[in-house]
Protein backbone atom coordinates (compact mmCIF):
# COMPACT_ATOMS: atom_id res chain seq x y z
CA UNK A 1 99.40 75.06 124.30
CA UNK A 2 99.76 71.89 122.18
CA UNK A 3 98.53 72.08 118.60
CA UNK A 4 95.95 69.46 117.62
CA UNK A 5 94.32 69.53 114.20
CA UNK A 6 90.60 68.75 113.77
CA UNK A 7 89.91 65.00 113.75
CA UNK A 8 88.80 64.96 110.12
CA UNK A 9 85.87 62.64 110.90
CA UNK A 10 82.39 63.18 112.23
CA UNK A 11 81.76 60.04 114.29
CA UNK A 12 83.27 60.18 117.78
CA UNK A 13 85.40 57.65 119.67
CA UNK A 14 84.63 56.85 123.31
CA UNK A 15 87.36 54.90 125.15
CA UNK A 16 87.09 53.14 128.52
CA UNK A 17 89.72 53.96 131.14
CA UNK A 18 91.21 51.08 133.11
CA UNK A 19 94.50 49.65 134.38
CA UNK A 20 95.99 49.69 130.87
CA UNK A 21 95.13 53.35 130.24
CA UNK A 22 94.77 55.21 133.53
CA UNK A 23 98.19 56.88 133.60
CA UNK A 24 98.29 60.51 132.39
CA UNK A 25 100.84 59.48 129.77
CA UNK A 26 98.61 56.79 128.26
CA UNK A 27 95.49 58.98 128.45
CA UNK A 28 97.41 61.59 126.49
CA UNK A 29 98.48 59.00 123.89
CA UNK A 30 94.89 57.81 123.48
CA UNK A 31 93.63 61.35 123.07
CA UNK A 32 96.23 62.14 120.43
CA UNK A 33 95.39 58.84 118.68
CA UNK A 34 91.78 59.90 118.28
CA UNK A 35 89.74 59.63 121.50
CA UNK A 36 87.03 62.30 121.86
CA UNK A 37 85.54 61.14 125.16
CA UNK A 38 86.51 58.83 128.03
CA UNK A 39 84.34 56.33 129.88
CA UNK A 40 84.95 55.79 133.60
CA UNK A 41 83.49 52.41 134.57
CA UNK A 42 82.22 52.70 138.14
CA UNK A 43 81.96 48.90 138.41
CA UNK A 44 85.70 48.80 139.03
CA UNK A 45 88.22 50.91 140.93
CA UNK A 46 88.14 53.27 143.88
CA UNK A 47 86.92 56.86 143.90
CA UNK A 48 90.43 58.12 144.63
CA UNK A 49 91.71 56.47 141.43
CA UNK A 50 88.80 57.81 139.39
CA UNK A 51 89.43 61.30 140.76
CA UNK A 52 92.97 61.10 139.41
CA UNK A 53 91.55 60.16 136.01
CA UNK A 54 89.26 63.19 136.05
CA UNK A 55 92.17 65.45 136.95
CA UNK A 56 94.37 64.04 134.18
CA UNK A 57 91.64 64.48 131.55
CA UNK A 58 90.88 68.05 132.62
CA UNK A 59 94.61 68.82 132.47
CA UNK A 60 94.61 67.58 128.86
CA UNK A 61 91.73 69.91 128.09
CA UNK A 62 93.83 72.86 129.14
CA UNK A 63 96.87 71.60 127.27
CA UNK A 64 95.05 71.02 123.98
CA UNK A 65 92.32 73.64 124.42
CA UNK A 66 89.70 71.10 123.40
CA UNK A 67 86.67 70.00 125.45
CA UNK A 68 86.69 66.30 126.36
CA UNK A 69 83.58 64.45 127.54
CA UNK A 70 83.73 62.13 130.54
CA UNK A 71 81.01 59.48 130.83
CA UNK A 72 80.65 57.83 134.25
CA UNK A 73 79.05 54.43 133.77
CA UNK A 74 77.14 53.19 136.83
CA UNK A 75 77.27 49.48 137.64
CA UNK A 76 73.52 49.05 138.05
CA UNK A 77 71.58 46.27 139.80
CA UNK A 78 73.47 43.21 138.59
CA UNK A 79 71.87 39.96 139.75
CA UNK A 80 74.38 37.36 140.98
CA UNK A 81 74.28 33.90 142.54
CA UNK A 82 75.84 33.26 145.95
CA UNK A 83 78.95 31.24 146.78
CA UNK A 84 79.76 27.53 146.44
CA UNK A 85 81.27 25.16 148.97
CA UNK A 86 84.30 24.55 146.75
CA UNK A 87 84.18 27.88 144.95
CA UNK A 88 82.61 26.17 141.95
CA UNK A 89 80.21 23.41 140.93
CA UNK A 90 79.09 21.56 137.81
CA UNK A 91 75.49 21.72 136.58
CA UNK A 92 74.68 18.59 134.57
CA UNK A 93 73.10 18.94 131.13
CA UNK A 94 69.36 18.21 131.41
CA UNK A 95 69.76 17.88 135.17
CA UNK A 96 67.87 19.80 137.84
CA UNK A 97 69.30 22.80 139.66
CA UNK A 98 67.67 25.01 142.31
CA UNK A 99 68.14 28.67 143.12
CA UNK A 100 66.94 29.36 146.65
CA UNK A 101 67.12 31.73 149.62
CA UNK A 102 69.29 29.44 151.77
CA UNK A 103 72.56 31.31 152.58
CA UNK A 104 74.52 28.04 152.94
CA UNK A 105 77.26 27.56 150.29
CA UNK A 106 76.00 25.85 147.14
CA UNK A 107 76.86 22.54 145.44
CA UNK A 108 76.03 20.69 142.21
CA UNK A 109 72.28 20.79 142.99
CA UNK A 110 71.61 24.26 144.39
CA UNK A 111 72.91 27.74 145.24
CA UNK A 112 71.63 30.84 146.98
CA UNK A 113 70.14 33.66 144.92
CA UNK A 114 70.51 36.63 147.33
CA UNK A 115 67.78 38.75 145.76
CA UNK A 116 64.47 38.36 147.68
CA UNK A 117 62.56 40.45 145.13
CA UNK A 118 63.28 37.77 142.55
CA UNK A 119 61.16 35.02 144.07
CA UNK A 120 57.47 34.62 143.37
CA UNK A 121 57.80 36.38 140.03
CA UNK A 122 59.01 33.69 137.68
CA UNK A 123 56.75 31.27 135.87
CA UNK A 124 57.15 27.83 134.36
CA UNK A 125 59.03 27.90 131.05
CA UNK A 126 60.88 31.18 131.63
CA UNK A 127 64.65 31.27 131.14
CA UNK A 128 67.55 32.05 133.45
CA UNK A 129 70.96 32.75 131.92
CA UNK A 130 74.08 32.49 134.09
CA UNK A 131 77.64 33.64 133.39
CA UNK A 132 76.81 35.68 130.27
CA UNK A 133 74.55 32.94 128.92
CA UNK A 134 77.08 30.12 129.12
CA UNK A 135 74.62 28.26 131.39
CA UNK A 136 70.94 28.21 130.40
CA UNK A 137 68.22 27.13 132.79
CA UNK A 138 64.47 26.79 132.26
CA UNK A 139 62.05 27.18 135.17
CA UNK A 140 60.12 24.06 136.15
CA UNK A 141 58.43 25.59 139.18
CA UNK A 142 58.87 28.66 141.38
CA UNK A 143 57.57 29.89 144.72
CA UNK A 144 58.59 32.44 147.36
CA UNK A 145 61.59 30.38 148.52
CA UNK A 146 62.97 28.37 145.62
CA UNK A 147 63.16 28.21 141.83
CA UNK A 148 63.52 24.68 140.46
CA UNK A 149 65.10 24.61 137.01
CA UNK A 150 66.08 22.21 134.28
CA UNK A 151 69.52 22.76 132.71
CA UNK A 152 69.05 23.32 128.99
CA UNK A 153 72.79 24.00 128.81
CA UNK A 154 74.86 22.95 131.83
CA UNK A 155 78.46 23.59 132.70
CA UNK A 156 80.80 24.92 135.36
CA UNK A 157 79.36 27.58 137.65
CA UNK A 158 81.40 29.51 140.22
CA UNK A 159 80.96 32.12 142.96
CA UNK A 160 79.03 35.34 142.25
CA UNK A 161 78.32 34.71 138.59
CA UNK A 162 75.78 37.03 136.99
CA UNK A 163 72.18 36.03 136.32
CA UNK A 164 70.09 37.37 133.44
CA UNK A 165 66.31 37.03 133.25
CA UNK A 166 65.24 37.81 129.68
CA UNK A 167 61.58 36.82 130.02
CA UNK A 168 60.50 38.85 133.05
CA UNK A 169 60.64 42.39 134.36
CA UNK A 170 62.27 42.25 137.78
CA UNK A 171 61.04 45.00 140.14
CA UNK A 172 64.45 46.04 141.36
CA UNK A 173 65.49 49.69 141.65
CA UNK A 174 67.60 51.03 138.80
CA UNK A 175 70.05 52.49 141.32
CA UNK A 176 71.71 50.48 144.08
CA UNK A 177 73.27 52.09 147.16
CA UNK A 178 76.64 51.78 145.44
CA UNK A 179 75.21 53.53 142.37
CA UNK A 180 73.97 56.41 144.52
CA UNK A 181 77.41 56.85 146.05
CA UNK A 182 79.06 56.62 142.65
CA UNK A 183 76.60 59.08 141.13
CA UNK A 184 77.22 61.59 143.91
CA UNK A 185 80.96 61.24 143.31
CA UNK A 186 80.56 61.63 139.54
CA UNK A 187 78.53 64.81 139.95
CA UNK A 188 81.05 66.23 142.42
CA UNK A 189 83.81 65.59 139.87
CA UNK A 190 81.88 67.28 137.08
CA UNK A 191 81.01 64.23 134.95
CA UNK A 192 79.52 65.28 131.62
CA UNK A 193 77.46 62.14 131.06
CA UNK A 194 76.02 59.56 133.45
CA UNK A 195 75.44 56.08 132.00
CA UNK A 196 72.51 54.29 133.67
CA UNK A 197 72.84 50.51 133.42
CA UNK A 198 70.12 47.87 133.02
CA UNK A 199 67.33 50.32 132.29
CA UNK A 200 64.01 48.46 132.06
CA UNK A 201 61.43 51.23 132.12
CA UNK A 202 61.29 55.03 131.73
CA UNK A 203 60.70 55.40 135.47
CA UNK A 204 64.21 54.07 136.05
CA UNK A 205 65.60 57.31 134.66
CA UNK A 206 63.63 59.60 136.95
CA UNK A 207 65.57 58.89 140.16
CA UNK A 208 68.95 59.29 138.47
CA UNK A 209 67.81 62.56 136.92
CA UNK A 210 66.73 63.85 140.32
CA UNK A 211 70.00 62.87 142.01
CA UNK A 212 72.00 64.54 139.22
CA UNK A 213 70.47 67.87 140.23
CA UNK A 214 70.74 69.35 136.75
CA UNK A 215 74.42 68.48 136.29
CA UNK A 216 75.49 66.37 133.35
CA UNK A 217 73.51 64.50 130.72
CA UNK A 218 71.80 61.14 131.23
CA UNK A 219 72.62 58.23 128.91
CA UNK A 220 70.28 55.23 128.99
CA UNK A 221 72.09 51.94 128.36
CA UNK A 222 69.86 49.61 126.38
CA UNK A 223 70.82 46.09 127.42
CA UNK A 224 67.54 44.50 128.52
CA UNK A 225 64.74 43.13 126.30
CA UNK A 226 62.27 44.94 128.57
CA UNK A 227 63.86 48.24 127.55
CA UNK A 228 63.25 47.45 123.88
CA UNK A 229 59.53 47.11 124.56
CA UNK A 230 59.40 50.65 125.99
CA UNK A 231 62.15 52.15 123.89
CA UNK A 232 60.20 55.21 122.70
CA UNK A 233 59.33 56.22 126.28
CA UNK A 234 62.90 55.69 127.47
CA UNK A 235 64.31 57.76 124.62
CA UNK A 236 61.99 60.62 125.51
CA UNK A 237 63.30 60.59 129.10
CA UNK A 238 67.06 60.51 128.42
CA UNK A 239 69.63 62.82 126.78
CA UNK A 240 71.40 60.06 124.88
CA UNK A 241 71.44 56.30 124.52
CA UNK A 242 73.98 53.48 124.40
CA UNK A 243 73.43 50.25 122.47
CA UNK A 244 75.11 48.02 125.08
CA UNK A 245 75.44 44.89 122.98
CA UNK A 246 77.14 42.80 125.69
CA UNK A 247 74.21 42.11 128.01
CA UNK A 248 71.72 42.70 125.20
CA UNK A 249 73.38 39.86 123.31
CA UNK A 250 73.15 37.61 126.35
CA UNK A 251 69.39 37.92 126.78
CA UNK A 252 68.51 37.87 123.08
CA UNK A 253 69.33 35.49 120.28
CA UNK A 254 72.53 36.57 118.48
CA UNK A 255 70.69 37.19 115.22
CA UNK A 256 68.27 39.57 116.95
CA UNK A 257 70.95 42.07 118.01
CA UNK A 258 72.02 43.61 114.63
CA UNK A 259 68.52 44.72 113.57
CA UNK A 260 67.86 46.01 117.09
CA UNK A 261 71.09 48.02 116.92
CA UNK A 262 69.86 49.71 113.75
CA UNK A 263 66.42 50.29 115.25
CA UNK A 264 67.85 51.99 118.36
CA UNK A 265 70.29 54.11 116.33
CA UNK A 266 67.51 55.25 114.00
CA UNK A 267 65.08 56.13 116.78
CA UNK A 268 67.73 58.12 118.67
CA UNK A 269 68.74 59.95 115.50
CA UNK A 270 65.12 60.87 114.78
CA UNK A 271 65.04 62.62 118.16
CA UNK A 272 68.42 64.27 117.65
CA UNK A 273 69.91 62.52 120.68
CA UNK A 274 73.47 61.11 120.64
CA UNK A 275 73.64 57.33 120.25
CA UNK A 276 76.69 55.22 121.13
CA UNK A 277 77.35 51.71 119.80
CA UNK A 278 79.31 49.73 122.38
CA UNK A 279 80.86 46.39 123.36
CA UNK A 280 83.19 44.00 121.57
CA UNK A 281 83.88 46.31 118.64
CA UNK A 282 87.57 45.38 118.43
CA UNK A 283 87.52 42.60 121.03
CA UNK A 284 90.45 40.63 119.60
CA UNK A 285 92.70 43.66 120.14
CA UNK A 286 92.66 43.00 123.86
CA UNK A 287 95.47 40.56 123.05
CA UNK A 288 96.26 41.08 119.36
CA UNK A 289 97.81 44.16 117.70
CA UNK A 290 95.39 43.81 114.77
CA UNK A 291 91.60 43.33 114.61
CA UNK A 292 89.74 40.65 112.68
CA UNK A 293 88.13 41.59 109.37
CA UNK A 294 84.73 40.95 110.94
CA UNK A 295 85.47 43.48 113.70
CA UNK A 296 86.53 46.07 111.14
CA UNK A 297 83.23 45.53 109.32
CA UNK A 298 81.32 45.83 112.61
CA UNK A 299 82.84 49.23 113.36
CA UNK A 300 82.31 50.34 109.76
CA UNK A 301 78.64 49.33 109.84
CA UNK A 302 78.04 51.38 112.99
CA UNK A 303 79.59 54.40 111.24
CA UNK A 304 77.49 53.77 108.11
CA UNK A 305 74.39 53.58 110.34
CA UNK A 306 75.09 57.14 111.47
CA UNK A 307 75.93 56.42 115.12
CA UNK A 308 77.26 59.46 116.97
CA UNK A 309 79.99 57.48 118.69
CA UNK A 310 81.63 54.06 118.76
CA UNK A 311 83.05 52.74 122.02
CA UNK A 312 86.06 50.71 123.10
CA UNK A 313 85.71 48.75 126.35
CA UNK A 314 88.32 46.22 127.50
CA UNK A 315 90.38 47.07 124.41
CA UNK A 316 91.56 50.27 126.10
CA UNK A 317 90.74 49.46 129.75
CA UNK A 318 92.71 46.25 130.10
CA UNK A 319 94.09 45.33 126.68
CA UNK A 320 97.69 45.06 125.60
CA UNK A 321 97.26 47.45 122.64
CA UNK A 322 95.10 50.39 123.78
CA UNK A 323 96.72 53.08 121.64
CA UNK A 324 96.69 50.84 118.56
CA UNK A 325 93.00 50.01 119.09
CA UNK A 326 92.12 53.71 119.10
CA UNK A 327 94.28 54.41 116.05
CA UNK A 328 92.67 51.60 114.06
CA UNK A 329 89.15 52.65 115.03
CA UNK A 330 90.05 56.20 113.98
CA UNK A 331 91.30 54.95 110.60
CA UNK A 332 88.22 52.79 110.01
CA UNK A 333 85.86 55.69 110.73
CA UNK A 334 87.80 58.11 108.56
CA UNK A 335 87.91 55.64 105.66
CA UNK A 336 84.16 55.02 105.84
CA UNK A 337 83.42 58.75 105.85
CA UNK A 338 85.57 59.19 102.74
CA UNK A 339 83.44 56.64 100.90
CA UNK A 340 81.46 58.39 98.16
CA UNK A 341 78.38 56.45 99.22
CA UNK A 342 78.67 57.35 102.89
CA UNK A 343 76.35 60.36 102.93
CA UNK A 344 73.63 58.49 101.07
CA UNK A 345 73.87 55.68 103.61
CA UNK A 346 73.64 57.87 106.72
CA UNK A 347 70.79 59.84 105.14
CA UNK A 348 68.89 56.73 104.19
CA UNK A 349 66.99 57.44 107.40
CA UNK A 350 64.58 60.26 106.64
CA UNK A 351 64.69 62.90 109.40
CA UNK A 352 62.07 65.45 108.32
CA UNK A 353 62.31 68.73 110.25
CA UNK A 354 59.71 69.56 112.87
CA UNK A 355 57.48 72.54 112.18
CA UNK A 356 59.81 75.01 113.94
CA UNK A 357 62.08 77.77 112.68
CA UNK A 358 65.10 76.12 114.32
CA UNK A 359 64.47 72.79 112.58
CA UNK A 360 63.82 74.48 109.23
CA UNK A 361 67.09 76.40 109.43
CA UNK A 362 69.02 73.30 110.52
CA UNK A 363 67.63 71.45 107.51
CA UNK A 364 68.57 74.43 105.32
CA UNK A 365 72.19 74.15 106.54
CA UNK A 366 72.36 70.64 105.12
CA UNK A 367 70.80 71.71 101.82
CA UNK A 368 73.10 74.71 101.40
CA UNK A 369 76.19 72.63 102.19
CA UNK A 370 75.10 70.13 99.51
CA UNK A 371 74.58 72.90 96.96
CA UNK A 372 77.33 75.45 97.61
CA UNK A 373 81.00 74.71 98.46
CA UNK A 374 80.89 75.22 102.23
CA UNK A 375 83.84 74.56 104.55
CA UNK A 376 81.91 74.41 107.83
CA UNK A 377 78.69 75.21 109.66
CA UNK A 378 79.40 77.50 112.60
CA UNK A 379 76.78 77.16 115.30
CA UNK A 380 76.43 79.60 118.19
CA UNK A 381 74.66 77.91 121.11
CA UNK A 382 74.32 78.08 124.86
CA UNK A 383 72.49 74.84 125.61
CA UNK A 384 73.66 72.76 122.64
CA UNK A 385 70.14 72.33 121.28
CA UNK A 386 70.91 74.03 117.95
CA UNK A 387 73.98 71.85 117.44
CA UNK A 388 71.92 68.70 118.04
CA UNK A 389 69.34 69.84 115.49
CA UNK A 390 72.02 70.42 112.85
CA UNK A 391 73.75 67.09 113.60
CA UNK A 392 70.40 65.30 113.24
CA UNK A 393 70.45 66.25 109.54
CA UNK A 394 73.92 64.67 109.06
CA UNK A 395 75.33 67.54 106.92
CA UNK A 396 78.21 66.94 104.53
CA UNK A 397 80.56 69.39 106.30
CA UNK A 398 81.82 69.58 109.90
CA UNK A 399 80.13 71.70 112.54
CA UNK A 400 82.13 74.25 114.52
CA UNK A 401 80.16 74.80 117.72
CA UNK A 402 80.90 78.01 119.63
CA UNK A 403 79.54 78.19 123.17
CA UNK A 404 80.31 80.13 126.35
CA UNK A 405 79.47 77.06 128.45
CA UNK A 406 82.20 74.53 129.21
CA UNK A 407 79.50 72.07 130.34
CA UNK A 408 77.75 72.33 126.97
CA UNK A 409 81.01 72.05 125.04
CA UNK A 410 82.01 68.87 126.89
CA UNK A 411 78.62 67.22 126.39
CA UNK A 412 78.81 67.96 122.67
CA UNK A 413 82.15 66.14 122.39
CA UNK A 414 79.99 63.01 121.86
CA UNK A 415 77.81 64.59 119.16
CA UNK A 416 78.25 63.56 115.52
CA UNK A 417 80.17 66.10 113.46
CA UNK A 418 80.56 68.64 116.30
CA UNK A 419 83.85 70.39 117.07
CA UNK A 420 83.02 72.35 120.24
CA UNK A 421 85.00 75.45 121.23
CA UNK A 422 84.53 77.43 124.44
CA UNK A 423 84.48 81.16 123.73
CA UNK A 424 82.96 84.34 125.08
CA UNK A 425 79.32 84.99 124.26
CA UNK A 426 78.37 87.35 121.44
CA UNK A 427 76.24 90.47 121.67
CA UNK A 428 75.64 91.60 118.09
CA UNK A 429 75.34 90.39 114.52
CA UNK A 430 78.66 91.99 113.57
CA UNK A 431 80.43 90.30 116.49
CA UNK A 432 78.91 86.97 115.51
CA UNK A 433 80.23 87.17 111.96
CA UNK A 434 83.68 88.37 113.04
CA UNK A 435 84.05 85.70 115.71
CA UNK A 436 82.73 82.96 113.44
CA UNK A 437 85.30 83.82 110.76
CA UNK A 438 88.13 84.07 113.23
CA UNK A 439 87.37 80.77 114.93
CA UNK A 440 86.90 78.94 111.63
CA UNK A 441 90.36 80.04 110.48
CA UNK A 442 92.02 79.47 113.84
CA UNK A 443 90.68 75.92 114.20
CA UNK A 444 91.31 74.82 110.63
CA UNK A 445 87.75 74.89 109.27
CA UNK A 446 88.41 77.12 106.30
CA UNK A 447 90.93 79.24 104.41
CA UNK A 448 90.90 82.44 102.40
CA UNK A 449 87.96 82.39 100.02
CA UNK A 450 86.09 79.61 101.84
CA UNK A 451 82.36 79.99 102.47
CA UNK A 452 80.91 79.30 105.89
CA UNK A 453 77.39 79.07 107.28
CA UNK A 454 76.70 80.91 110.55
CA UNK A 455 73.66 79.75 112.55
CA UNK A 456 72.48 81.56 115.67
CA UNK A 457 69.53 83.06 117.48
CA UNK A 458 68.51 86.67 117.99
CA UNK A 459 68.31 88.06 120.61
CA UNK A 460 71.73 86.57 121.42
CA UNK A 461 72.03 84.56 124.62
CA UNK A 462 68.37 83.54 124.62
CA UNK A 463 67.91 79.74 124.64
CA UNK A 464 65.66 78.32 121.94
CA UNK A 465 65.74 81.40 119.72
CA UNK A 466 67.53 79.97 116.66
CA UNK A 467 66.27 82.17 113.83
CA UNK A 468 69.28 83.43 111.87
CA UNK A 469 71.27 81.80 109.06
CA UNK A 470 74.01 83.69 107.21
CA UNK A 471 76.53 82.59 104.56
CA UNK A 472 79.86 84.43 104.75
CA UNK A 473 83.19 84.29 102.89
CA UNK A 474 86.45 84.10 104.80
CA UNK A 475 88.96 86.78 103.80
CA UNK A 476 92.70 86.17 103.74
CA UNK A 477 93.51 88.69 106.46
CA UNK A 478 90.77 87.62 108.89
CA UNK A 479 92.97 85.53 111.16
CA UNK A 480 95.61 88.15 111.82
CA UNK A 481 93.15 91.03 111.86
CA UNK A 482 90.97 89.44 114.52
CA UNK A 483 93.53 87.41 116.53
CA UNK A 484 93.21 88.05 120.24
């Protein structure tokens, strides 16, 4: 078994797997460099290749004896134009351009939009953004067969470019047939998280949840203005959320995205649900061995905001410096968390405990750790609920999470401050204390004389029964005495 010390930071790193990182050797390098969870992008690649990625990651789990989360990101219902006669065309600035239902190849005046549900919905003055917003059209008139537009910003358009509609809710299903196949595959492989793309409404989450059949956790990707309008409802329906700034930045003005990022992070934190900040965090490292100062500040701000995880996309999937990108993100996060003002910043958001025993005890863990020299908070949990409650308080010390469930441990690999360990369940108070001490010493969360908080529920093994908090001191002979 390979020895791997605790990360030494609380925010997690999620890295996207792709051609630059899919080999077992590179996955191993990325994990050692600081990756806590891997994202499998179902928009690209075949199931056979993704299955090899799953196998390689699970092999690393056994090697390092550390749970690793796998997030399968579904492609979602991406709207795209049809094809052009010459593969491309030029839309003139201020000129007219039509999107219609004619399957003939397009030209400089028109192109097919192969989405029947789209027509009859748009109104005069609404915007259409093509190719990530590089082309901006405004609707002049629309009927059941054609949408006549004026080009606010023209340019070159080519086959199958994406279309964004920021001003209207398009009644398309959240899951395409491809998504259903990909979701079935992800569940069969044991994916820990499912990322649902282009969520517009809370109902979009219901079908995915049903198809998951109780396996894995559901992450809502917030990348549509319509999702912002119903954010509270969406957050109630999901297990975690991703601030997907790529498409969100296409459909909104650039200056609108930073405050929305903070709003989404804060709302997710209030509910104790993991929140991931994603897209273009170290974008220049796709080609450069070093990030820009602005990118470093962007990552740092997400950490200061208290995000549970920060994500690398093309930087690790297709970039020339995947290992270096992870290492730099790891260093940025660690440096921020060493800042003496860090705790005050992440606790600027007030997260008052709910009127429950579990919330009161979780809040007490934070207070005790601020008052008494504590090395770690050891949480015994089956479902992960207690760990999420403690993480919501953003305590000053790491959280050692002991659980008998490998599914729970893997899901918690994306939770702020959590170091999950799979271990046998406990049956008594004495066993809880002994195991907590032993695991804290074994995994580097304390030394002789250190104090540790133990948080659990009695009767043991009963979900939702968190009602016990105990402060213990680690003795020098605990590790050898209890090693087994």
